[in-house]
Amino acid sequence: MIGLSILDVKKFMAGILTGSMFDKFYLRDGEIQTFTEFHLGGYLNRPYFDSEEWEALGGRQLCLWAEVKPFAFQLIKGHKLPVRFKLVFQLSDENTRWLLDKYHLSASMEDIGGLFMNITYEHQKLVCTSGVSYKTFIPDKTLEQCWDETVCRYFKQNHIAVERV
């Protein structure tokens, strides 16, 4: 787990709200505080979908950020910055498999609860904290190290300046 301070808040916010920077990540959870607090639950609501729509989701349980982003944008846009927000992004199953293969890691998908980026804005500071959740105890920390490196590279590829906190 690492903490990264995001140095250019305006550029990051443009990437997250109007760009495609996190579109392929699952939104696990979120909250946005403006004039009141809004909660964004990331789990798909099965009763909302008919059988064909649910089948088209391919067993996915979580929303993609691209699906929630327009609503979050409506909550945040305007002349005033939010008081606070927290977004918990989870790497998609497909990209988690890619990461495991790329680094030849022994952890299996069944052992992993998720690879996360927690984005928090508060007191005019924007911080990203990486994290890995396991479904079972795993003493090997290689996956966490690889995920931390991947998060740093992801920000660099998206031209977002960060520094470790």
N, C-alpha and C. Protein backbone atom coordinates (compact mmCIF):
# COMPACT_ATOMS: atom_id res chain seq x y z
N MET A 1 0.84 -1.17 0.00
CA MET A 1 0.00 0.00 0.00
C MET A 1 0.89 1.24 0.00
N ILE A 2 0.56 2.15 -0.89
CA ILE A 2 1.27 3.43 -0.92
C ILE A 2 0.24 4.56 -0.95
N GLY A 3 0.68 5.72 -0.50
CA GLY A 3 -0.13 6.93 -0.60
C GLY A 3 0.56 7.88 -1.55
N LEU A 4 -0.22 8.44 -2.45
CA LEU A 4 0.31 9.38 -3.44
C LEU A 4 -0.48 10.67 -3.36
N SER A 5 0.22 11.77 -3.23
CA SER A 5 -0.40 13.08 -3.28
C SER A 5 -0.46 13.50 -4.74
N ILE A 6 -1.64 13.85 -5.21
CA ILE A 6 -1.82 14.27 -6.59
C ILE A 6 -1.59 15.77 -6.65
N LEU A 7 -0.58 16.18 -7.42
CA LEU A 7 -0.12 17.56 -7.38
C LEU A 7 -0.97 18.53 -8.19
N ASP A 8 -1.50 18.10 -9.31
CA ASP A 8 -2.31 18.97 -10.16
C ASP A 8 -3.77 18.55 -10.05
N VAL A 9 -4.46 19.10 -9.07
CA VAL A 9 -5.84 18.71 -8.79
C VAL A 9 -6.73 18.97 -10.00
N LYS A 10 -6.58 20.12 -10.62
CA LYS A 10 -7.44 20.50 -11.76
C LYS A 10 -7.29 19.50 -12.92
N LYS A 11 -6.06 19.15 -13.25
CA LYS A 11 -5.82 18.20 -14.35
C LYS A 11 -6.38 16.83 -14.01
N PHE A 12 -6.18 16.39 -12.78
CA PHE A 12 -6.70 15.09 -12.37
C PHE A 12 -8.23 15.08 -12.43
N MET A 13 -8.86 16.14 -11.94
CA MET A 13 -10.32 16.20 -11.94
C MET A 13 -10.87 16.18 -13.36
N ALA A 14 -10.17 16.85 -14.28
CA ALA A 14 -10.60 16.80 -15.69
C ALA A 14 -10.49 15.36 -16.21
N GLY A 15 -9.42 14.67 -15.85
CA GLY A 15 -9.24 13.30 -16.30
C GLY A 15 -10.27 12.34 -15.75
N ILE A 16 -10.65 12.56 -14.52
CA ILE A 16 -11.59 11.64 -13.87
C ILE A 16 -13.04 11.94 -14.22
N LEU A 17 -13.38 13.23 -14.43
CA LEU A 17 -14.78 13.60 -14.66
C LEU A 17 -15.15 13.80 -16.12
N THR A 18 -14.22 14.23 -16.95
CA THR A 18 -14.54 14.45 -18.36
C THR A 18 -13.68 13.63 -19.30
N GLY A 19 -12.60 13.06 -18.79
CA GLY A 19 -11.75 12.19 -19.60
C GLY A 19 -12.13 10.74 -19.39
N SER A 20 -11.26 9.87 -19.84
CA SER A 20 -11.56 8.43 -19.74
C SER A 20 -10.60 7.70 -18.80
N MET A 21 -9.93 8.46 -17.96
CA MET A 21 -8.86 7.92 -17.13
C MET A 21 -9.26 6.71 -16.28
N PHE A 22 -10.42 6.70 -15.70
CA PHE A 22 -10.84 5.59 -14.84
C PHE A 22 -12.06 4.85 -15.39
N ASP A 23 -12.41 5.09 -16.64
CA ASP A 23 -13.63 4.53 -17.21
C ASP A 23 -13.72 3.01 -17.13
N LYS A 24 -12.60 2.31 -17.22
CA LYS A 24 -12.64 0.85 -17.22
C LYS A 24 -12.44 0.25 -15.84
N PHE A 25 -12.37 1.10 -14.81
CA PHE A 25 -12.30 0.61 -13.45
C PHE A 25 -13.71 0.43 -12.91
N TYR A 26 -13.86 -0.54 -12.02
CA TYR A 26 -15.13 -0.66 -11.30
C TYR A 26 -15.17 0.44 -10.24
N LEU A 27 -16.34 0.97 -10.00
CA LEU A 27 -16.54 1.85 -8.84
C LEU A 27 -17.07 0.96 -7.73
N ARG A 28 -16.29 0.79 -6.69
CA ARG A 28 -16.70 -0.06 -5.57
C ARG A 28 -17.59 0.74 -4.61
N ASP A 29 -17.24 2.00 -4.40
CA ASP A 29 -17.99 2.81 -3.46
C ASP A 29 -17.59 4.26 -3.65
N GLY A 30 -18.46 5.17 -3.29
CA GLY A 30 -18.11 6.58 -3.39
C GLY A 30 -19.03 7.44 -2.55
N GLU A 31 -18.50 8.59 -2.19
CA GLU A 31 -19.33 9.59 -1.52
C GLU A 31 -18.82 10.96 -1.96
N ILE A 32 -19.76 11.84 -2.15
CA ILE A 32 -19.46 13.20 -2.58
C ILE A 32 -20.23 14.14 -1.66
N GLN A 33 -19.51 15.09 -1.05
CA GLN A 33 -20.15 16.07 -0.17
C GLN A 33 -20.09 17.44 -0.83
N THR A 34 -21.24 17.94 -1.17
CA THR A 34 -21.36 19.31 -1.65
C THR A 34 -22.28 20.01 -0.64
N PHE A 35 -23.49 20.40 -1.05
CA PHE A 35 -24.42 21.01 -0.10
C PHE A 35 -25.05 19.96 0.81
N THR A 36 -24.93 18.68 0.42
CA THR A 36 -25.33 17.53 1.22
C THR A 36 -24.44 16.37 0.82
N GLU A 37 -24.61 15.24 1.44
CA GLU A 37 -23.76 14.10 1.13
C GLU A 37 -24.49 13.13 0.21
N PHE A 38 -23.79 12.71 -0.84
CA PHE A 38 -24.34 11.74 -1.79
C PHE A 38 -23.50 10.47 -1.71
N HIS A 39 -24.17 9.34 -1.67
CA HIS A 39 -23.47 8.06 -1.63
C HIS A 39 -23.63 7.37 -2.98
N LEU A 40 -22.52 6.85 -3.51
CA LEU A 40 -22.53 6.11 -4.77
C LEU A 40 -22.16 4.66 -4.48
N GLY A 41 -23.15 3.82 -4.43
CA GLY A 41 -22.88 2.40 -4.23
C GLY A 41 -22.49 1.80 -5.57
N GLY A 42 -21.44 1.05 -5.60
CA GLY A 42 -20.94 0.53 -6.87
C GLY A 42 -21.55 -0.77 -7.34
N TYR A 43 -22.30 -1.44 -6.48
CA TYR A 43 -22.86 -2.74 -6.86
C TYR A 43 -24.08 -2.55 -7.75
N LEU A 44 -24.14 -3.35 -8.81
CA LEU A 44 -25.28 -3.31 -9.72
C LEU A 44 -26.52 -3.84 -9.00
N ASN A 45 -27.65 -3.24 -9.28
CA ASN A 45 -28.92 -3.60 -8.67
C ASN A 45 -29.65 -4.58 -9.59
N ARG A 46 -29.54 -5.87 -9.31
CA ARG A 46 -30.08 -6.92 -10.17
C ARG A 46 -31.55 -6.72 -10.54
N PRO A 47 -32.44 -6.34 -9.61
CA PRO A 47 -33.86 -6.19 -9.98
C PRO A 47 -34.13 -5.09 -11.03
N TYR A 48 -33.20 -4.18 -11.20
CA TYR A 48 -33.38 -3.10 -12.17
C TYR A 48 -33.31 -3.61 -13.61
N PHE A 49 -32.57 -4.69 -13.84
CA PHE A 49 -32.28 -5.18 -15.18
C PHE A 49 -33.21 -6.33 -15.57
N ASP A 50 -33.61 -6.33 -16.86
CA ASP A 50 -34.34 -7.50 -17.35
C ASP A 50 -33.31 -8.62 -17.63
N SER A 51 -33.76 -9.78 -17.97
CA SER A 51 -32.88 -10.94 -18.15
C SER A 51 -31.82 -10.72 -19.22
N GLU A 52 -32.22 -10.13 -20.34
CA GLU A 52 -31.25 -9.90 -21.42
C GLU A 52 -30.19 -8.88 -21.01
N GLU A 53 -30.61 -7.82 -20.35
CA GLU A 53 -29.65 -6.80 -19.91
C GLU A 53 -28.66 -7.40 -18.90
N TRP A 54 -29.19 -8.19 -17.97
CA TRP A 54 -28.33 -8.80 -16.95
C TRP A 54 -27.34 -9.76 -17.59
N GLU A 55 -27.81 -10.54 -18.54
CA GLU A 55 -26.94 -11.48 -19.24
C GLU A 55 -25.84 -10.74 -20.01
N ALA A 56 -26.19 -9.60 -20.58
CA ALA A 56 -25.21 -8.80 -21.34
C ALA A 56 -24.10 -8.27 -20.44
N LEU A 57 -24.37 -8.14 -19.15
CA LEU A 57 -23.36 -7.67 -18.21
C LEU A 57 -22.31 -8.75 -17.91
N GLY A 58 -22.58 -9.97 -18.35
CA GLY A 58 -21.59 -11.04 -18.25
C GLY A 58 -21.20 -11.43 -16.84
N GLY A 59 -22.10 -11.33 -15.90
CA GLY A 59 -21.79 -11.72 -14.53
C GLY A 59 -21.11 -10.64 -13.71
N ARG A 60 -20.92 -9.49 -14.31
CA ARG A 60 -20.29 -8.38 -13.59
C ARG A 60 -21.19 -7.94 -12.44
N GLN A 61 -20.60 -7.70 -11.29
CA GLN A 61 -21.36 -7.30 -10.11
C GLN A 61 -21.27 -5.80 -9.82
N LEU A 62 -20.24 -5.14 -10.37
CA LEU A 62 -19.98 -3.74 -10.07
C LEU A 62 -20.15 -2.85 -11.30
N CYS A 63 -20.51 -1.60 -11.06
CA CYS A 63 -20.60 -0.60 -12.13
C CYS A 63 -19.20 -0.21 -12.59
N LEU A 64 -19.10 0.13 -13.84
CA LEU A 64 -17.88 0.75 -14.34
C LEU A 64 -17.97 2.25 -14.04
N TRP A 65 -16.82 2.87 -13.83
CA TRP A 65 -16.81 4.31 -13.58
C TRP A 65 -17.46 5.05 -14.75
N ALA A 66 -17.28 4.59 -15.97
CA ALA A 66 -17.87 5.24 -17.14
C ALA A 66 -19.39 5.32 -17.03
N GLU A 67 -20.00 4.36 -16.34
CA GLU A 67 -21.45 4.33 -16.19
C GLU A 67 -21.94 5.30 -15.11
N VAL A 68 -21.10 5.58 -14.13
CA VAL A 68 -21.48 6.43 -13.00
C VAL A 68 -20.98 7.86 -13.18
N LYS A 69 -19.93 8.03 -13.96
CA LYS A 69 -19.25 9.32 -14.12
C LYS A 69 -20.19 10.48 -14.46
N PRO A 70 -21.15 10.32 -15.38
CA PRO A 70 -22.02 11.46 -15.69
C PRO A 70 -22.80 11.97 -14.47
N PHE A 71 -23.19 11.06 -13.59
CA PHE A 71 -23.94 11.45 -12.39
C PHE A 71 -23.01 12.15 -11.40
N ALA A 72 -21.80 11.62 -11.25
CA ALA A 72 -20.82 12.26 -10.36
C ALA A 72 -20.47 13.65 -10.89
N PHE A 73 -20.33 13.79 -12.20
CA PHE A 73 -20.03 15.08 -12.80
C PHE A 73 -21.12 16.09 -12.47
N GLN A 74 -22.37 15.68 -12.55
CA GLN A 74 -23.48 16.58 -12.23
C GLN A 74 -23.43 17.04 -10.77
N LEU A 75 -22.95 16.18 -9.89
CA LEU A 75 -22.86 16.54 -8.48
C LEU A 75 -21.71 17.50 -8.19
N ILE A 76 -20.62 17.38 -8.96
CA ILE A 76 -19.40 18.12 -8.67
C ILE A 76 -19.27 19.41 -9.48
N LYS A 77 -19.85 19.43 -10.69
CA LYS A 77 -19.63 20.59 -11.55
C LYS A 77 -20.16 21.87 -10.91
N GLY A 78 -19.60 22.97 -11.34
CA GLY A 78 -20.05 24.26 -10.82
C GLY A 78 -18.87 25.10 -10.38
N HIS A 79 -19.18 26.20 -9.74
CA HIS A 79 -18.14 27.14 -9.33
C HIS A 79 -17.50 26.78 -8.00
N LYS A 80 -18.17 25.97 -7.21
CA LYS A 80 -17.63 25.59 -5.91
C LYS A 80 -17.07 24.17 -5.96
N LEU A 81 -15.93 24.00 -5.34
CA LEU A 81 -15.37 22.66 -5.22
C LEU A 81 -16.17 21.89 -4.18
N PRO A 82 -16.21 20.56 -4.30
CA PRO A 82 -16.87 19.80 -3.25
C PRO A 82 -16.13 19.98 -1.92
N VAL A 83 -16.84 19.79 -0.84
CA VAL A 83 -16.22 19.85 0.48
C VAL A 83 -15.28 18.65 0.61
N ARG A 84 -15.75 17.52 0.15
CA ARG A 84 -14.99 16.28 0.26
C ARG A 84 -15.56 15.28 -0.74
N PHE A 85 -14.71 14.39 -1.22
CA PHE A 85 -15.21 13.21 -1.90
C PHE A 85 -14.23 12.06 -1.73
N LYS A 86 -14.78 10.88 -1.83
CA LYS A 86 -13.97 9.67 -1.79
C LYS A 86 -14.54 8.71 -2.80
N LEU A 87 -13.67 8.21 -3.67
CA LEU A 87 -14.05 7.23 -4.67
C LEU A 87 -13.13 6.03 -4.52
N VAL A 88 -13.72 4.86 -4.45
CA VAL A 88 -12.95 3.63 -4.35
C VAL A 88 -13.08 2.90 -5.67
N PHE A 89 -11.97 2.86 -6.41
CA PHE A 89 -11.93 2.18 -7.69
C PHE A 89 -11.30 0.81 -7.53
N GLN A 90 -11.84 -0.15 -8.25
CA GLN A 90 -11.30 -1.50 -8.24
C GLN A 90 -10.90 -1.88 -9.66
N LEU A 91 -9.73 -2.47 -9.79
CA LEU A 91 -9.28 -2.94 -11.09
C LEU A 91 -10.24 -4.03 -11.57
N SER A 92 -10.60 -3.99 -12.83
CA SER A 92 -11.52 -4.99 -13.37
C SER A 92 -10.90 -6.38 -13.29
N ASP A 93 -11.76 -7.39 -13.34
CA ASP A 93 -11.28 -8.77 -13.30
C ASP A 93 -10.33 -9.05 -14.46
N GLU A 94 -10.69 -8.57 -15.63
CA GLU A 94 -9.85 -8.78 -16.82
C GLU A 94 -8.45 -8.18 -16.62
N ASN A 95 -8.39 -6.97 -16.10
CA ASN A 95 -7.09 -6.33 -15.88
C ASN A 95 -6.34 -6.92 -14.69
N THR A 96 -7.06 -7.46 -13.72
CA THR A 96 -6.40 -8.15 -12.62
C THR A 96 -5.71 -9.41 -13.14
N ARG A 97 -6.40 -10.15 -14.00
CA ARG A 97 -5.78 -11.34 -14.63
C ARG A 97 -4.53 -10.93 -15.42
N TRP A 98 -4.64 -9.83 -16.16
CA TRP A 98 -3.51 -9.33 -16.95
C TRP A 98 -2.32 -9.04 -16.03
N LEU A 99 -2.56 -8.39 -14.90
CA LEU A 99 -1.49 -8.05 -13.96
C LEU A 99 -0.83 -9.31 -13.40
N LEU A 100 -1.66 -10.28 -13.03
CA LEU A 100 -1.12 -11.54 -12.50
C LEU A 100 -0.23 -12.23 -13.54
N ASP A 101 -0.70 -12.25 -14.79
CA ASP A 101 0.09 -12.87 -15.87
C ASP A 101 1.36 -12.09 -16.16
N LYS A 102 1.25 -10.78 -16.23
CA LYS A 102 2.41 -9.94 -16.57
C LYS A 102 3.57 -10.16 -15.61
N TYR A 103 3.25 -10.25 -14.32
CA TYR A 103 4.30 -10.40 -13.31
C TYR A 103 4.52 -11.85 -12.89
N HIS A 104 3.82 -12.77 -13.57
CA HIS A 104 3.97 -14.20 -13.27
C HIS A 104 3.74 -14.48 -11.78
N LEU A 105 2.66 -13.94 -11.25
CA LEU A 105 2.37 -14.06 -9.83
C LEU A 105 1.60 -15.35 -9.54
N SER A 106 1.85 -15.90 -8.38
CA SER A 106 1.23 -17.17 -8.02
C SER A 106 -0.18 -17.00 -7.44
N ALA A 107 -0.55 -15.80 -7.04
CA ALA A 107 -1.89 -15.57 -6.49
C ALA A 107 -2.94 -15.88 -7.55
N SER A 108 -4.05 -16.46 -7.12
CA SER A 108 -5.13 -16.77 -8.06
C SER A 108 -6.27 -15.77 -7.90
N MET A 109 -7.09 -15.67 -8.90
CA MET A 109 -8.24 -14.77 -8.86
C MET A 109 -9.17 -15.12 -7.69
N GLU A 110 -9.24 -16.40 -7.34
CA GLU A 110 -10.10 -16.84 -6.24
C GLU A 110 -9.59 -16.34 -4.89
N ASP A 111 -8.29 -16.03 -4.80
CA ASP A 111 -7.70 -15.55 -3.55
C ASP A 111 -7.81 -14.04 -3.37
N ILE A 112 -8.10 -13.32 -4.46
CA ILE A 112 -8.03 -11.86 -4.45
C ILE A 112 -9.42 -11.27 -4.33
N GLY A 113 -9.59 -10.39 -3.34
CA GLY A 113 -10.85 -9.67 -3.18
C GLY A 113 -10.90 -8.45 -4.09
N GLY A 114 -9.73 -7.88 -4.43
CA GLY A 114 -9.69 -6.73 -5.32
C GLY A 114 -8.39 -5.95 -5.20
N LEU A 115 -8.07 -5.25 -6.27
CA LEU A 115 -6.94 -4.31 -6.32
C LEU A 115 -7.57 -2.93 -6.40
N PHE A 116 -7.25 -2.07 -5.42
CA PHE A 116 -7.99 -0.83 -5.25
C PHE A 116 -7.12 0.42 -5.37
N MET A 117 -7.79 1.49 -5.79
CA MET A 117 -7.26 2.84 -5.69
C MET A 117 -8.33 3.66 -4.96
N ASN A 118 -7.98 4.15 -3.80
CA ASN A 118 -8.89 5.00 -3.02
C ASN A 118 -8.49 6.45 -3.27
N ILE A 119 -9.37 7.20 -3.88
CA ILE A 119 -9.12 8.60 -4.20
C ILE A 119 -9.90 9.46 -3.22
N THR A 120 -9.20 10.30 -2.47
CA THR A 120 -9.84 11.14 -1.46
C THR A 120 -9.46 12.60 -1.68
N TYR A 121 -10.47 13.44 -1.71
CA TYR A 121 -10.26 14.90 -1.78
C TYR A 121 -10.85 15.50 -0.52
N GLU A 122 -10.01 16.20 0.23
CA GLU A 122 -10.46 16.85 1.45
C GLU A 122 -9.45 17.93 1.81
N HIS A 123 -9.93 19.05 2.31
CA HIS A 123 -9.08 20.18 2.69
C HIS A 123 -8.18 20.60 1.52
N GLN A 124 -8.75 20.59 0.32
CA GLN A 124 -8.06 21.01 -0.91
C GLN A 124 -6.85 20.14 -1.24
N LYS A 125 -6.81 18.91 -0.71
CA LYS A 125 -5.75 17.96 -1.02
C LYS A 125 -6.36 16.71 -1.62
N LEU A 126 -5.68 16.20 -2.63
CA LEU A 126 -6.14 15.02 -3.34
C LEU A 126 -5.11 13.92 -3.16
N VAL A 127 -5.55 12.79 -2.63
CA VAL A 127 -4.64 11.68 -2.33
C VAL A 127 -5.19 10.39 -2.90
N CYS A 128 -4.29 9.57 -3.43
CA CYS A 128 -4.63 8.23 -3.89
C CYS A 128 -3.88 7.23 -3.00
N THR A 129 -4.61 6.28 -2.47
CA THR A 129 -4.01 5.21 -1.68
C THR A 129 -4.31 3.90 -2.38
N SER A 130 -3.25 3.14 -2.65
CA SER A 130 -3.44 1.84 -3.30
C SER A 130 -3.71 0.80 -2.23
N GLY A 131 -4.30 -0.31 -2.63
CA GLY A 131 -4.54 -1.38 -1.68
C GLY A 131 -4.91 -2.67 -2.37
N VAL A 132 -4.67 -3.77 -1.68
CA VAL A 132 -5.03 -5.09 -2.16
C VAL A 132 -5.83 -5.77 -1.07
N SER A 133 -6.92 -6.40 -1.45
CA SER A 133 -7.75 -7.16 -0.53
C SER A 133 -7.67 -8.63 -0.92
N TYR A 134 -7.47 -9.47 0.08
CA TYR A 134 -7.43 -10.92 -0.16
C TYR A 134 -8.62 -11.58 0.50
N LYS A 135 -9.06 -12.69 -0.07
CA LYS A 135 -10.13 -13.48 0.52
C LYS A 135 -9.58 -14.49 1.52
N THR A 136 -8.28 -14.71 1.47
CA THR A 136 -7.61 -15.64 2.35
C THR A 136 -6.24 -15.07 2.71
N PHE A 137 -5.61 -15.57 3.74
CA PHE A 137 -4.30 -15.07 4.13
C PHE A 137 -3.25 -15.50 3.11
N ILE A 138 -2.47 -14.52 2.65
CA ILE A 138 -1.37 -14.78 1.73
C ILE A 138 -0.14 -14.06 2.27
N PRO A 139 0.89 -14.80 2.67
CA PRO A 139 2.07 -14.16 3.26
C PRO A 139 2.95 -13.42 2.23
N ASP A 140 2.86 -13.83 0.98
CA ASP A 140 3.68 -13.21 -0.08
C ASP A 140 3.11 -11.83 -0.43
N LYS A 141 3.94 -10.81 -0.36
CA LYS A 141 3.51 -9.43 -0.62
C LYS A 141 3.88 -8.95 -2.02
N THR A 142 4.26 -9.86 -2.90
CA THR A 142 4.67 -9.49 -4.25
C THR A 142 3.55 -8.81 -5.03
N LEU A 143 2.33 -9.31 -4.89
CA LEU A 143 1.21 -8.70 -5.60
C LEU A 143 1.04 -7.25 -5.18
N GLU A 144 1.14 -6.96 -3.88
CA GLU A 144 0.98 -5.59 -3.42
C GLU A 144 2.06 -4.68 -4.00
N GLN A 145 3.29 -5.18 -4.05
CA GLN A 145 4.39 -4.39 -4.61
C GLN A 145 4.17 -4.13 -6.09
N CYS A 146 3.74 -5.15 -6.81
CA CYS A 146 3.46 -4.99 -8.25
C CYS A 146 2.31 -4.02 -8.48
N TRP A 147 1.28 -4.09 -7.65
CA TRP A 147 0.14 -3.19 -7.78
C TRP A 147 0.57 -1.75 -7.51
N ASP A 148 1.37 -1.54 -6.46
CA ASP A 148 1.86 -0.19 -6.14
C ASP A 148 2.65 0.38 -7.32
N GLU A 149 3.52 -0.41 -7.92
CA GLU A 149 4.30 0.03 -9.08
C GLU A 149 3.38 0.35 -10.25
N THR A 150 2.38 -0.48 -10.45
CA THR A 150 1.44 -0.29 -11.56
C THR A 150 0.65 1.01 -11.38
N VAL A 151 0.24 1.30 -10.15
CA VAL A 151 -0.50 2.54 -9.87
C VAL A 151 0.38 3.75 -10.20
N CYS A 152 1.63 3.72 -9.76
CA CYS A 152 2.56 4.82 -10.06
C CYS A 152 2.74 5.00 -11.56
N ARG A 153 2.92 3.89 -12.27
CA ARG A 153 3.07 3.97 -13.73
C ARG A 153 1.80 4.47 -14.39
N TYR A 154 0.64 4.09 -13.87
CA TYR A 154 -0.63 4.52 -14.43
C TYR A 154 -0.76 6.04 -14.38
N PHE A 155 -0.40 6.63 -13.26
CA PHE A 155 -0.45 8.08 -13.16
C PHE A 155 0.55 8.72 -14.10
N LYS A 156 1.74 8.15 -14.20
CA LYS A 156 2.75 8.70 -15.11
C LYS A 156 2.29 8.63 -16.56
N GLN A 157 1.71 7.51 -16.96
CA GLN A 157 1.19 7.35 -18.33
C GLN A 157 0.09 8.35 -18.64
N ASN A 158 -0.65 8.74 -17.62
CA ASN A 158 -1.74 9.71 -17.80
C ASN A 158 -1.30 11.14 -17.51
N HIS A 159 0.01 11.33 -17.37
CA HIS A 159 0.61 12.66 -17.17
C HIS A 159 0.06 13.36 -15.93
N ILE A 160 -0.12 12.58 -14.87
CA ILE A 160 -0.58 13.12 -13.59
C ILE A 160 0.62 13.07 -12.63
N ALA A 161 1.07 14.24 -12.21
CA ALA A 161 2.22 14.33 -11.30
C ALA A 161 1.77 13.96 -9.89
N VAL A 162 2.55 13.07 -9.27
CA VAL A 162 2.26 12.63 -7.90
C VAL A 162 3.57 12.61 -7.10
N GLU A 163 3.42 12.62 -5.79
CA GLU A 163 4.55 12.37 -4.93
C GLU A 163 4.08 11.50 -3.77
N ARG A 164 4.97 10.63 -3.32
CA ARG A 164 4.61 9.73 -2.22
C ARG A 164 4.44 10.52 -0.93
N VAL A 165 3.44 10.08 -0.15
CA VAL A 165 3.20 10.72 1.14
C VAL A 165 3.51 9.75 2.27
